[in-house]
Amino acid sequence: INTITAVLDEYFPEFETVFKQPFKGKASMHLLKVCPIPKFILELGEDGVLDEIKKAVKKTVGRKKAAQLVEAAKDSIGVDYGEYAARFKIQQLLEELELITNQLEALEAEMAETLKKTEVSEYLLSITGMGVVSLATCLGELGDPLRFENARQMSRMAGYNLIEDSSGKNKSGTCISKRGRKNLRSVLYQISLTLVANNKELRQLYNYLKTRENNPLKKMQALVVISKKVLTLIFTLSKKKAYYEPELVFGSYRKSQLQAA
């Protein structure tokens, strides 16, 4: 997408003023294949562009867009040489983009089907903000949550257990060991970012950790705590075969801390 956009910026930067999201609409994707550059748009004219839009979109729309595109092509500041090579390059890149998109869709569908075969997916997907791909990737690294005796074992597997951070005679506190699965930490980090943005309870905890009066944490440190909380949720919901309930996310002590903040 970035490469296609770079070519458009050179030859027809105004295309994205007509189609705000050119890689999501059927009409814009079709026009990118047929006439992505002013030369070919002007050759088609407004009626020709409209005919191409109708090939991609069945409903009766497009006259306004066709007119806007032609006007933009007339006043374009893009370069006016090598148009055929540029169009061919865009067509080739679009074919590659479609292939990758189809492969991703097939992969995600396979992940969803495999996830259904586990005994715990419906409970874990009830966590607000948790998606199929994120959960499948996490369980792919973590394995069956039911094989663990407690959430601490999961944390150690990810390398989240704390060790002394020292060098010679200097002791500066503790840090996570990172003696675990790097890929698991990576996916937990991505999940934590998503949950902090979409999960009210974990966002509240994240903000509290960064702003508390005693020992406020930096962003990355707070996300590690959120990641460990995610593992606790995975363990608890899997073991109990229970759905996510916001009021049960925190114990009484943590609730009192959050309320006081």
Protein backbone atom coordinates (compact mmCIF):
# COMPACT_ATOMS: atom_id res chain seq x y z
CA ILE A 1 0.00 0.00 0.00
CA ASN A 2 2.82 2.40 0.83
CA THR A 3 4.52 1.66 -2.50
CA ILE A 4 1.31 2.24 -4.47
CA THR A 5 0.73 5.46 -2.55
CA ALA A 6 4.26 6.60 -3.41
CA VAL A 7 3.56 6.11 -7.14
CA LEU A 8 0.24 7.96 -6.82
CA ASP A 9 1.95 10.81 -4.98
CA GLU A 10 4.28 11.18 -7.93
CA TYR A 11 1.76 10.89 -10.77
CA PHE A 12 -1.65 11.75 -9.32
CA PRO A 13 -1.53 12.98 -5.71
CA GLU A 14 -5.10 14.31 -6.04
CA PHE A 15 -6.55 10.79 -6.31
CA GLU A 16 -6.81 10.56 -2.52
CA THR A 17 -8.70 13.85 -2.34
CA VAL A 18 -11.49 12.21 -4.38
CA PHE A 19 -11.29 8.79 -2.69
CA LYS A 20 -10.34 9.26 0.96
CA GLN A 21 -9.70 5.53 1.47
CA PRO A 22 -8.69 4.31 -1.99
CA PHE A 23 -7.74 0.78 -0.89
CA LYS A 24 -11.06 -0.01 0.80
CA GLY A 25 -13.68 0.85 -1.83
CA LYS A 26 -14.55 -1.35 -4.82
CA ALA A 27 -14.88 1.63 -7.16
CA SER A 28 -11.55 3.20 -6.19
CA MET A 29 -9.71 -0.14 -6.41
CA HIS A 30 -11.11 -0.76 -9.88
CA LEU A 31 -10.15 2.73 -11.06
CA LEU A 32 -6.63 2.23 -9.70
CA LYS A 33 -6.32 -0.78 -12.00
CA VAL A 34 -7.78 0.92 -15.08
CA CYS A 35 -6.99 4.61 -14.89
CA PRO A 36 -4.84 5.57 -11.88
CA ILE A 37 -3.18 8.48 -13.69
CA PRO A 38 -4.62 11.72 -15.19
CA LYS A 39 -3.69 10.79 -18.78
CA PHE A 40 -5.96 7.73 -18.79
CA ILE A 41 -8.75 9.45 -16.85
CA LEU A 42 -8.89 12.30 -19.37
CA GLU A 43 -8.89 9.82 -22.26
CA LEU A 44 -11.96 8.12 -20.77
CA GLY A 45 -13.75 11.32 -19.89
CA GLU A 46 -16.52 11.61 -17.32
CA ASP A 47 -18.82 9.08 -19.02
CA GLY A 48 -15.99 6.59 -19.46
CA VAL A 49 -14.95 6.89 -15.83
CA LEU A 50 -18.59 6.43 -14.78
CA ASP A 51 -18.84 3.28 -16.89
CA GLU A 52 -15.77 1.88 -15.14
CA ILE A 53 -17.24 2.71 -11.72
CA LYS A 54 -20.45 0.86 -12.65
CA LYS A 55 -18.40 -2.23 -13.46
CA ALA A 56 -17.26 -2.34 -9.85
CA VAL A 57 -20.35 -0.99 -8.05
CA LYS A 58 -23.80 -2.25 -8.98
CA LYS A 59 -25.91 0.48 -7.39
CA THR A 60 -26.56 3.68 -9.27
CA VAL A 61 -23.89 5.96 -7.89
CA GLY A 62 -20.71 7.47 -9.19
CA ARG A 63 -21.55 10.46 -11.44
CA LYS A 64 -20.36 12.93 -8.80
CA LYS A 65 -17.18 10.93 -8.14
CA ALA A 66 -16.50 10.62 -11.87
CA ALA A 67 -16.82 14.36 -12.31
CA GLN A 68 -14.57 15.06 -9.32
CA LEU A 69 -11.93 12.67 -10.62
CA VAL A 70 -11.91 14.24 -14.09
CA GLU A 71 -11.62 17.74 -12.63
CA ALA A 72 -8.80 16.62 -10.37
CA ALA A 73 -7.03 15.04 -13.35
CA LYS A 74 -7.26 18.29 -15.33
CA ASP A 75 -5.58 20.28 -12.56
CA SER A 76 -3.15 17.60 -11.35
CA ILE A 77 0.38 18.60 -10.40
CA GLY A 78 1.68 15.08 -10.99
CA VAL A 79 4.48 14.32 -13.48
CA ASP A 80 3.37 13.65 -17.06
CA TYR A 81 5.88 11.12 -18.37
CA GLY A 82 6.26 7.37 -17.99
CA GLU A 83 2.51 6.97 -17.48
CA TYR A 84 2.25 3.51 -19.05
CA ALA A 85 5.06 2.14 -16.91
CA ALA A 86 3.53 3.72 -13.81
CA ARG A 87 0.10 2.22 -14.55
CA PHE A 88 1.65 -1.20 -15.14
CA LYS A 89 3.55 -0.95 -11.85
CA ILE A 90 0.37 -0.03 -9.96
CA GLN A 91 -1.50 -2.93 -11.59
CA GLN A 92 1.23 -5.37 -10.57
CA LEU A 93 1.29 -4.04 -7.02
CA LEU A 94 -2.51 -4.28 -6.77
CA GLU A 95 -2.37 -7.94 -7.83
CA GLU A 96 0.21 -8.55 -5.11
CA LEU A 97 -1.93 -6.69 -2.56
CA GLU A 98 -4.99 -8.79 -3.45
CA LEU A 99 -2.98 -11.99 -3.12
CA ILE A 100 -1.64 -11.00 0.31
CA THR A 101 -5.12 -9.89 1.43
CA ASN A 102 -6.65 -13.21 0.36
CA GLN A 103 -3.88 -15.14 2.11
CA LEU A 104 -4.41 -13.15 5.31
CA GLU A 105 -8.16 -13.75 5.19
CA ALA A 106 -7.59 -17.49 4.68
CA LEU A 107 -5.07 -17.58 7.52
CA GLU A 108 -7.36 -15.71 9.89
CA ALA A 109 -10.27 -18.01 9.00
CA GLU A 110 -8.08 -21.02 9.75
CA MET A 111 -7.03 -19.48 13.06
CA ALA A 112 -10.68 -18.90 13.97
CA GLU A 113 -11.60 -22.50 13.17
CA THR A 114 -8.65 -23.88 15.12
CA LEU A 115 -9.49 -21.63 18.06
CA LYS A 116 -13.01 -23.07 18.16
CA LYS A 117 -11.52 -26.53 18.79
CA THR A 118 -10.13 -25.44 22.14
CA GLU A 119 -12.26 -25.73 25.25
CA VAL A 120 -11.73 -22.14 26.33
CA SER A 121 -12.01 -19.84 23.31
CA GLU A 122 -15.57 -18.65 23.94
CA TYR A 123 -14.66 -17.60 27.48
CA LEU A 124 -11.45 -15.82 26.52
CA LEU A 125 -13.06 -14.02 23.59
CA SER A 126 -15.56 -12.56 26.06
CA ILE A 127 -12.75 -10.33 27.39
CA THR A 128 -13.63 -6.85 26.17
CA GLY A 129 -11.19 -5.91 23.39
CA MET A 130 -9.82 -9.43 22.81
CA GLY A 131 -9.82 -10.48 19.14
CA VAL A 132 -9.63 -13.86 17.41
CA VAL A 133 -6.24 -13.28 15.81
CA SER A 134 -4.67 -11.91 19.00
CA LEU A 135 -5.99 -14.75 21.12
CA ALA A 136 -5.03 -17.44 18.59
CA THR A 137 -1.51 -16.03 18.35
CA CYS A 138 -1.21 -15.85 22.14
CA LEU A 139 -2.40 -19.43 22.67
CA GLY A 140 -0.11 -20.55 19.85
CA GLU A 141 2.82 -19.38 21.96
CA LEU A 142 1.37 -20.18 25.36
CA GLY A 143 -0.17 -23.55 24.66
CA ASP A 144 -3.17 -25.00 26.46
CA PRO A 145 -3.95 -22.72 29.45
CA LEU A 146 -5.42 -25.70 31.30
CA ARG A 147 -1.99 -27.32 31.67
CA PHE A 148 -0.78 -24.60 34.04
CA GLU A 149 -1.29 -24.80 37.79
CA ASN A 150 -1.35 -21.04 38.29
CA ALA A 151 -0.92 -17.75 36.43
CA ARG A 152 2.61 -17.27 37.81
CA GLN A 153 3.77 -20.21 35.71
CA MET A 154 2.46 -18.42 32.63
CA SER A 155 4.32 -15.26 33.64
CA ARG A 156 7.57 -17.18 34.08
CA MET A 157 7.09 -18.78 30.68
CA ALA A 158 6.85 -15.30 29.18
CA GLY A 159 9.88 -14.10 31.17
CA TYR A 160 7.89 -11.72 33.36
CA ASN A 161 9.24 -13.01 36.67
CA LEU A 162 11.20 -10.35 38.58
CA ILE A 163 14.93 -10.59 39.25
CA GLU A 164 17.42 -8.28 40.95
CA ASP A 165 18.75 -5.60 38.64
CA SER A 166 22.35 -5.26 39.77
CA SER A 167 25.78 -4.70 38.37
CA GLY A 168 28.77 -5.44 40.63
CA LYS A 169 28.22 -3.54 43.86
CA ASN A 170 25.36 -1.47 42.44
CA LYS A 171 21.79 -2.58 43.12
CA SER A 172 19.11 -0.52 41.45
CA GLY A 173 15.99 -2.59 42.11
CA THR A 174 14.28 -5.30 40.10
CA CYS A 175 13.44 -5.97 36.46
CA ILE A 176 11.75 -8.72 34.49
CA SER A 177 14.04 -11.64 33.68
CA LYS A 178 13.10 -11.97 29.97
CA ARG A 179 14.13 -15.63 30.36
CA GLY A 180 11.11 -16.84 28.49
CA ARG A 181 9.41 -16.78 25.14
CA LYS A 182 10.15 -13.52 23.39
CA ASN A 183 7.32 -14.02 20.89
CA LEU A 184 4.87 -14.52 23.74
CA ARG A 185 5.93 -11.24 25.33
CA SER A 186 5.61 -9.55 21.96
CA VAL A 187 2.03 -10.69 21.37
CA LEU A 188 1.07 -9.90 24.97
CA TYR A 189 2.44 -6.39 24.47
CA GLN A 190 0.24 -5.95 21.37
CA ILE A 191 -2.78 -7.36 23.19
CA SER A 192 -2.14 -5.02 26.13
CA LEU A 193 -2.04 -1.98 23.87
CA THR A 194 -5.38 -2.98 22.37
CA LEU A 195 -6.99 -3.71 25.72
CA VAL A 196 -5.77 -0.47 27.27
CA ALA A 197 -7.51 1.33 24.40
CA ASN A 198 -10.74 -0.73 24.43
CA ASN A 199 -11.15 -2.28 27.87
CA LYS A 200 -12.42 0.11 30.54
CA GLU A 201 -11.10 -1.88 33.50
CA LEU A 202 -7.57 -2.41 32.17
CA ARG A 203 -7.36 1.19 30.96
CA GLN A 204 -8.24 2.31 34.48
CA LEU A 205 -5.51 0.09 35.91
CA TYR A 206 -2.98 1.30 33.33
CA ASN A 207 -3.67 4.97 34.11
CA TYR A 208 -3.49 4.31 37.84
CA LEU A 209 -0.10 2.58 37.56
CA LYS A 210 1.37 5.53 35.65
CA THR A 211 -0.01 8.26 37.91
CA ARG A 212 -0.06 6.76 41.41
CA GLU A 213 1.70 8.79 44.08
CA ASN A 214 4.06 6.04 45.25
CA ASN A 215 6.32 4.42 42.67
CA PRO A 216 4.54 5.51 39.46
CA LEU A 217 5.48 3.29 36.52
CA LYS A 218 6.68 4.25 33.09
CA LYS A 219 4.58 3.30 30.05
CA MET A 220 6.46 0.06 29.28
CA GLN A 221 6.48 -0.99 32.94
CA ALA A 222 2.73 -0.40 33.18
CA LEU A 223 2.15 -2.45 30.03
CA VAL A 224 4.11 -5.34 31.56
CA VAL A 225 1.72 -5.27 34.52
CA ILE A 226 -1.22 -5.24 32.10
CA SER A 227 0.30 -8.18 30.21
CA LYS A 228 0.59 -10.16 33.44
CA LYS A 229 -3.02 -9.27 34.21
CA VAL A 230 -4.02 -10.60 30.78
CA LEU A 231 -2.32 -13.88 31.62
CA THR A 232 -4.18 -13.98 34.94
CA LEU A 233 -7.47 -13.44 33.10
CA ILE A 234 -6.63 -16.18 30.59
CA PHE A 235 -5.79 -18.60 33.40
CA THR A 236 -8.79 -17.78 35.58
CA LEU A 237 -11.44 -17.79 32.84
CA SER A 238 -10.01 -21.00 31.36
CA LYS A 239 -9.93 -22.85 34.67
CA LYS A 240 -13.37 -21.70 35.77
CA LYS A 241 -14.86 -21.86 32.26
CA ALA A 242 -16.37 -18.49 33.03
CA TYR A 243 -17.16 -15.45 30.91
CA TYR A 244 -15.51 -12.09 31.48
CA GLU A 245 -17.28 -9.99 34.11
CA PRO A 246 -15.96 -6.43 34.61
CA GLU A 247 -16.90 -6.32 38.29
CA LEU A 248 -14.76 -9.39 39.01
CA VAL A 249 -11.57 -8.25 37.25
CA PHE A 250 -10.04 -6.77 40.42
CA GLY A 251 -9.99 -7.92 44.02
CA SER A 252 -11.11 -5.73 46.91
CA TYR A 253 -7.61 -4.33 47.59
CA ARG A 254 -7.00 -3.25 43.98
CA LYS A 255 -10.52 -1.81 43.81
CA SER A 256 -9.82 0.33 46.86
CA GLN A 257 -6.61 1.62 45.25
CA LEU A 258 -8.40 2.54 42.03
CA GLN A 259 -11.26 4.22 43.88
CA ALA A 260 -8.85 6.23 46.03
CA ALA A 261 -7.03 7.44 42.91
